[in-house]
Amino acid sequence: MTWKKQLAAKRVGAVAAPRAAKKSAVRNAASISSKAEEKPKKDGRRGIQSIEIGFRILDYLRTALRPVPLKMIAAGTEMSAANVHYYLVSFQAVGIVRQEEDTGCYALGPYALKLGMAAIEQFDVFTAARPVMAELANSVGQTVFLGVWGNRGPTIVYRVESGGARPILELRVGTVLTLLRSALGRNFLAHLPLEYTKSLLVQELADESRRPPEKSSDGTPVNMAEVEAMRATIRAAGVSYCRDALLANFTSLSAPIFDQNGSMIAAITVMGPVGTLDDALNGPIANALRERSRTISATAGWSP
């Protein structure tokens, strides 16, 4: 090779080296970005980080309750306005976010409404409650019921037995319970509008007024003043309680399940023998019951 060709080759190599290095750097950056994008979860699963970031924006729009400007979204999500704008452009393209023409403010779009309606239609409290109830029954070692408001009142629609607990044969699927003498009934009485429960309540109060005094020592309300006091106590505690009133020597705790509108749609109830089931309203079983009912409610779209 002549000296001219050798010099030309060196020049080409000198130009090619930075280009190759630049391409390598780009590839490395893309690889790093890809690895950062697929962020490992604490449980070992991998997720897409940009989707999680995007949902921070959607959740802010959900809680804003009105169209908001870009700067407010950026401040509320602790992101830069430029970064938020990129996400909003993509969200607008699929219809999950809309922008008002006159103000430039952003809000959830028509596709977000479709998603919400589809989620409501697909939610089934029975399906959502079953695994939670099974885990709760095993953890507390007692029978767990799922109850709904039927056409005759509080009705058991599902039950889970713990392996170590004696089956409560008196209460089967389909059993209709009383308002005043069951934790499930008291739960519905506390949270449903009174027009739903009034006729049944009037009938049961009349029955209670005819009971002998020695039969009325179980804390069951006997007049509307006592009913209102019980309702307030249950709503404040987030769980209802009933001992010896439904079955002798048995006690129970019940926690409500709410839908996306905050309306009570069902309840999970733990029941067991007095002395075996800790029925303290601030005890570990009551706390576990509240936690599980909130988990199911969250699946239905409820938020406190």
Protein backbone atom coordinates (compact mmCIF):
# COMPACT_ATOMS: atom_id res chain seq x y z
CA MET A 1 0.00 0.00 0.00
CA THR A 2 1.36 3.42 -0.95
CA TRP A 3 1.78 6.13 1.67
CA LYS A 4 -1.21 8.03 0.18
CA LYS A 5 -3.50 5.02 0.60
CA GLN A 6 -2.21 4.44 4.14
CA LEU A 7 -2.97 8.09 5.02
CA ALA A 8 -6.46 7.83 3.53
CA ALA A 9 -7.15 4.65 5.50
CA LYS A 10 -6.09 6.36 8.72
CA ARG A 11 -8.40 9.29 7.98
CA VAL A 12 -11.34 6.95 7.32
CA GLY A 13 -10.59 5.06 10.53
CA ALA A 14 -10.37 8.29 12.48
CA VAL A 15 -13.82 9.35 11.22
CA ALA A 16 -15.38 5.90 11.59
CA ALA A 17 -14.23 5.38 15.16
CA PRO A 18 -16.29 8.25 16.68
CA ARG A 19 -19.31 7.20 14.60
CA ALA A 20 -19.00 3.62 15.81
CA ALA A 21 -18.56 4.82 19.35
CA LYS A 22 -21.64 7.04 19.01
CA LYS A 23 -23.73 4.14 17.66
CA SER A 24 -22.49 1.94 20.47
CA ALA A 25 -23.43 4.58 23.00
CA VAL A 26 -26.90 4.89 21.48
CA ARG A 27 -27.32 1.12 21.62
CA ASN A 28 -26.17 1.07 25.23
CA ALA A 29 -28.52 3.92 26.14
CA ALA A 30 -31.41 2.11 24.47
CA SER A 31 -30.49 -1.04 26.35
CA ILE A 32 -30.36 0.84 29.64
CA SER A 33 -33.67 2.57 28.84
CA SER A 34 -35.24 -0.77 28.01
CA LYS A 35 -34.00 -2.25 31.26
CA ALA A 36 -35.31 0.73 33.20
CA GLU A 37 -38.61 0.48 31.34
CA GLU A 38 -39.09 -3.12 32.40
CA LYS A 39 -38.86 -2.42 36.09
CA PRO A 40 -38.85 -5.50 38.35
CA LYS A 41 -41.58 -5.56 40.99
CA LYS A 42 -41.00 -6.47 44.62
CA ASP A 43 -42.77 -9.78 43.99
CA GLY A 44 -40.41 -10.62 41.11
CA ARG A 45 -42.75 -9.73 38.27
CA ARG A 46 -41.63 -7.26 35.60
CA GLY A 47 -43.70 -4.25 34.63
CA ILE A 48 -43.57 -1.31 32.23
CA GLN A 49 -42.53 1.72 34.23
CA SER A 50 -43.84 4.27 31.72
CA ILE A 51 -47.34 2.82 32.03
CA GLU A 52 -47.20 3.18 35.81
CA ILE A 53 -46.02 6.79 35.43
CA GLY A 54 -48.80 7.47 32.95
CA PHE A 55 -51.39 6.19 35.38
CA ARG A 56 -50.19 8.71 37.94
CA ILE A 57 -51.48 11.34 35.53
CA LEU A 58 -54.77 9.52 34.97
CA ASP A 59 -55.29 9.10 38.70
CA TYR A 60 -54.67 12.80 39.25
CA LEU A 61 -57.28 13.63 36.61
CA ARG A 62 -59.66 11.20 38.31
CA THR A 63 -59.35 12.91 41.67
CA ALA A 64 -59.32 16.47 40.29
CA LEU A 65 -63.10 16.29 39.60
CA ARG A 66 -62.81 19.07 37.00
CA PRO A 67 -60.67 19.90 33.95
CA VAL A 68 -57.23 21.16 35.02
CA PRO A 69 -54.34 22.93 33.25
CA LEU A 70 -51.04 21.29 32.36
CA LYS A 71 -49.07 23.10 35.07
CA MET A 72 -51.43 21.86 37.77
CA ILE A 73 -51.13 18.27 36.55
CA ALA A 74 -47.35 18.55 36.54
CA ALA A 75 -47.33 19.94 40.09
CA GLY A 76 -49.82 17.35 41.32
CA THR A 77 -47.85 14.43 39.89
CA GLU A 78 -44.40 15.90 40.65
CA MET A 79 -43.37 15.62 37.00
CA SER A 80 -42.05 18.15 34.52
CA ALA A 81 -44.64 19.88 32.35
CA ALA A 82 -42.85 18.69 29.19
CA ASN A 83 -42.94 15.06 30.32
CA VAL A 84 -46.61 15.28 31.30
CA HIS A 85 -47.41 16.79 27.91
CA TYR A 86 -45.90 13.81 26.08
CA TYR A 87 -48.15 11.45 28.02
CA LEU A 88 -51.22 13.63 27.48
CA VAL A 89 -50.67 13.65 23.72
CA SER A 90 -50.68 9.84 23.67
CA PHE A 91 -53.67 9.64 26.00
CA GLN A 92 -55.60 12.04 23.78
CA ALA A 93 -54.80 9.90 20.73
CA VAL A 94 -56.62 6.91 22.26
CA GLY A 95 -59.41 8.97 23.79
CA ILE A 96 -58.70 8.34 27.45
CA VAL A 97 -57.93 12.06 27.95
CA ARG A 98 -59.56 15.09 26.32
CA GLN A 99 -58.51 18.73 26.13
CA GLU A 100 -61.01 21.59 26.26
CA GLU A 101 -60.67 23.82 23.23
CA ASP A 102 -61.48 27.10 24.98
CA THR A 103 -59.41 26.69 28.17
CA GLY A 104 -56.78 24.14 27.15
CA CYS A 105 -57.48 22.23 30.36
CA TYR A 106 -57.38 18.43 30.49
CA ALA A 107 -59.88 15.89 31.80
CA LEU A 108 -60.65 12.22 31.42
CA GLY A 109 -62.00 11.41 27.98
CA PRO A 110 -64.83 9.29 26.57
CA TYR A 111 -62.79 6.09 26.49
CA ALA A 112 -62.12 6.41 30.23
CA LEU A 113 -65.90 6.42 30.71
CA LYS A 114 -66.22 3.26 28.60
CA LEU A 115 -63.54 1.55 30.68
CA GLY A 116 -65.28 2.51 33.89
CA MET A 117 -68.67 1.24 32.73
CA ALA A 118 -67.13 -2.02 31.51
CA ALA A 119 -65.39 -2.53 34.86
CA ILE A 120 -68.69 -2.01 36.71
CA GLU A 121 -70.48 -4.51 34.48
CA GLN A 122 -67.72 -7.10 34.88
CA PHE A 123 -67.50 -6.81 38.69
CA ASP A 124 -69.07 -9.68 40.59
CA VAL A 125 -68.99 -9.46 44.39
CA PHE A 126 -69.27 -13.24 44.72
CA THR A 127 -66.18 -13.83 42.56
CA ALA A 128 -64.23 -11.05 44.27
CA ALA A 129 -65.13 -12.22 47.78
CA ARG A 130 -64.49 -15.97 47.52
CA PRO A 131 -60.65 -16.01 47.72
CA VAL A 132 -60.64 -13.27 50.37
CA MET A 133 -63.14 -15.19 52.49
CA ALA A 134 -61.21 -18.45 52.17
CA GLU A 135 -58.01 -16.77 53.33
CA LEU A 136 -59.85 -15.04 56.19
CA ALA A 137 -61.53 -18.27 57.37
CA ASN A 138 -58.19 -20.07 57.47
CA SER A 139 -56.43 -17.22 59.25
CA VAL A 140 -59.02 -16.72 62.00
CA GLY A 141 -60.16 -20.36 62.23
CA GLN A 142 -63.88 -19.52 62.10
CA THR A 143 -66.84 -19.66 59.71
CA VAL A 144 -67.13 -16.75 57.25
CA PHE A 145 -70.37 -15.74 55.48
CA LEU A 146 -71.09 -13.53 52.49
CA GLY A 147 -74.45 -11.78 52.78
CA VAL A 148 -76.48 -9.54 50.48
CA TRP A 149 -79.76 -7.64 50.76
CA GLY A 150 -82.41 -9.91 49.26
CA ASN A 151 -86.11 -9.36 48.67
CA ARG A 152 -86.82 -10.63 52.20
CA GLY A 153 -83.88 -8.97 53.96
CA PRO A 154 -80.27 -9.91 54.84
CA THR A 155 -79.52 -13.20 53.09
CA ILE A 156 -76.54 -15.56 53.24
CA VAL A 157 -75.36 -16.37 49.70
CA TYR A 158 -72.00 -18.04 50.39
CA ARG A 159 -70.09 -19.51 53.32
CA VAL A 160 -66.59 -20.80 53.98
CA GLU A 161 -65.80 -23.21 56.80
CA SER A 162 -62.48 -23.28 58.59
CA GLY A 163 -61.01 -26.74 58.98
CA GLY A 164 -60.75 -26.33 62.74
CA ALA A 165 -64.18 -24.82 63.41
CA ARG A 166 -67.44 -26.62 64.15
CA PRO A 167 -69.84 -26.12 61.21
CA ILE A 168 -72.74 -23.80 62.05
CA LEU A 169 -75.53 -25.98 60.66
CA GLU A 170 -78.27 -23.52 61.64
CA LEU A 171 -77.10 -20.98 59.07
CA ARG A 172 -77.05 -22.26 55.50
CA VAL A 173 -76.79 -20.58 52.12
CA GLY A 174 -80.19 -19.00 51.50
CA THR A 175 -80.92 -18.32 55.18
CA VAL A 176 -82.59 -14.94 55.75
CA LEU A 177 -81.40 -13.24 58.95
CA THR A 178 -83.03 -10.61 61.12
CA LEU A 179 -82.09 -6.94 61.10
CA LEU A 180 -81.78 -6.53 64.86
CA ARG A 181 -80.49 -9.94 65.97
CA SER A 182 -77.66 -10.61 63.51
CA ALA A 183 -74.38 -8.82 62.79
CA LEU A 184 -75.19 -8.99 59.08
CA GLY A 185 -78.63 -7.45 59.59
CA ARG A 186 -77.28 -4.72 61.85
CA ASN A 187 -74.66 -3.95 59.22
CA PHE A 188 -77.28 -3.39 56.53
CA LEU A 189 -79.45 -1.44 58.96
CA ALA A 190 -76.53 0.91 59.64
CA HIS A 191 -75.61 1.56 56.02
CA LEU A 192 -78.73 1.23 53.88
CA PRO A 193 -81.19 4.14 53.60
CA LEU A 194 -84.00 3.69 56.13
CA GLU A 195 -86.63 3.42 53.39
CA TYR A 196 -85.08 0.06 52.43
CA THR A 197 -85.30 -1.35 55.95
CA LYS A 198 -88.23 0.52 57.51
CA SER A 199 -91.01 -2.04 57.11
CA LEU A 200 -88.85 -4.90 58.36
CA LEU A 201 -87.51 -2.76 61.20
CA VAL A 202 -90.97 -1.75 62.42
CA GLN A 203 -92.02 -5.41 62.46
CA GLU A 204 -88.94 -6.51 64.40
CA LEU A 205 -89.22 -3.69 66.93
CA ALA A 206 -92.78 -4.80 67.60
CA ASP A 207 -91.51 -8.35 68.16
CA GLU A 208 -88.83 -7.10 70.56
CA SER A 209 -91.41 -5.18 72.61
CA ARG A 210 -93.21 -8.47 73.32
CA ARG A 211 -90.11 -10.31 74.55
CA PRO A 212 -89.77 -11.02 78.29
CA PRO A 213 -87.26 -8.71 80.02
CA GLU A 214 -84.86 -11.57 80.74
CA LYS A 215 -84.68 -12.28 77.00
CA SER A 216 -83.65 -8.72 76.18
CA SER A 217 -80.22 -8.63 77.82
CA ASP A 218 -78.27 -9.23 74.59
CA GLY A 219 -78.01 -5.59 73.52
CA THR A 220 -80.74 -5.79 70.87
CA PRO A 221 -82.38 -2.36 70.30
CA VAL A 222 -86.00 -2.10 71.40
CA ASN A 223 -86.88 1.40 70.12
CA MET A 224 -85.84 3.86 67.40
CA ALA A 225 -83.58 5.85 69.73
CA GLU A 226 -81.55 2.72 70.44
CA VAL A 227 -81.57 1.80 66.75
CA GLU A 228 -80.14 5.19 65.78
CA ALA A 229 -77.45 4.92 68.46
CA MET A 230 -76.49 1.46 67.18
CA ARG A 231 -76.38 2.65 63.57
CA ALA A 232 -74.02 5.49 64.50
CA THR A 233 -71.76 3.14 66.47
CA ILE A 234 -71.51 0.67 63.59
CA ARG A 235 -70.72 3.35 61.01
CA ALA A 236 -68.02 4.80 63.26
CA ALA A 237 -66.47 1.40 63.97
CA GLY A 238 -66.66 0.11 60.39
CA VAL A 239 -67.89 -3.24 61.69
CA SER A 240 -71.05 -4.52 63.40
CA TYR A 241 -71.19 -6.88 66.37
CA CYS A 242 -73.78 -9.32 67.71
CA ARG A 243 -73.41 -11.76 70.64
CA ASP A 244 -75.99 -14.31 71.86
CA ALA A 245 -78.81 -12.58 69.98
CA LEU A 246 -78.99 -14.83 66.91
CA LEU A 247 -77.68 -18.13 68.31
CA ALA A 248 -77.03 -18.80 71.99
CA ASN A 249 -73.33 -18.84 72.92
CA PHE A 250 -72.30 -17.58 69.47
CA THR A 251 -70.88 -14.20 68.52
CA SER A 252 -70.25 -12.53 65.17
CA LEU A 253 -68.64 -9.54 63.49
CA SER A 254 -69.65 -8.16 60.08
CA ALA A 255 -68.01 -5.60 57.78
CA PRO A 256 -69.65 -3.86 54.80
CA ILE A 257 -68.64 -4.07 51.15
CA PHE A 258 -69.23 -0.87 49.16
CA ASP A 259 -69.48 -0.16 45.43
CA GLN A 260 -67.96 2.73 43.48
CA ASN A 261 -70.73 5.06 44.70
CA GLY A 262 -70.16 4.21 48.35
CA SER A 263 -73.38 2.17 48.58
CA MET A 264 -73.32 -1.03 50.60
CA ILE A 265 -73.82 -4.05 48.32
CA ALA A 266 -72.80 -6.95 50.57
CA ALA A 267 -71.00 -7.86 53.78
CA ILE A 268 -68.61 -10.49 55.06
CA THR A 269 -69.35 -11.90 58.50
CA VAL A 270 -67.20 -13.96 60.85
CA MET A 271 -69.06 -16.13 63.36
CA GLY A 272 -67.91 -18.47 66.12
CA PRO A 273 -68.50 -19.64 69.69
CA VAL A 274 -68.29 -17.10 72.50
CA GLY A 275 -64.88 -17.41 74.12
CA THR A 276 -63.32 -18.78 70.94
CA LEU A 277 -63.95 -15.84 68.60
CA ASP A 278 -62.46 -12.53 69.77
CA ASP A 279 -65.33 -10.12 69.04
CA ALA A 280 -63.69 -6.92 70.34
CA LEU A 281 -64.31 -4.07 67.89
CA ASN A 282 -60.63 -3.08 68.05
CA GLY A 283 -59.31 -6.64 68.20
CA PRO A 284 -57.25 -8.51 65.59
CA ILE A 285 -60.22 -10.34 64.03
CA ALA A 286 -62.24 -7.12 63.66
CA ASN A 287 -59.20 -5.44 62.11
CA ALA A 288 -58.67 -8.34 59.71
CA LEU A 289 -62.35 -8.26 58.76
CA ARG A 290 -62.27 -4.53 58.07
CA GLU A 291 -59.12 -4.91 55.97
CA ARG A 292 -60.59 -7.73 53.85
CA SER A 293 -63.89 -5.94 53.28
CA ARG A 294 -62.01 -2.83 52.13
CA THR A 295 -59.99 -4.97 49.73
CA ILE A 296 -63.17 -6.30 48.11
CA SER A 297 -64.71 -2.81 48.08
CA ALA A 298 -61.65 -1.42 46.31
CA THR A 299 -62.11 -4.07 43.62
CA ALA A 300 -65.64 -2.70 43.15
CA GLY A 301 -64.23 0.82 42.63
CA TRP A 302 -64.83 2.16 46.14
CA SER A 303 -62.36 4.57 47.67
CA PRO A 304 -62.58 5.97 51.23
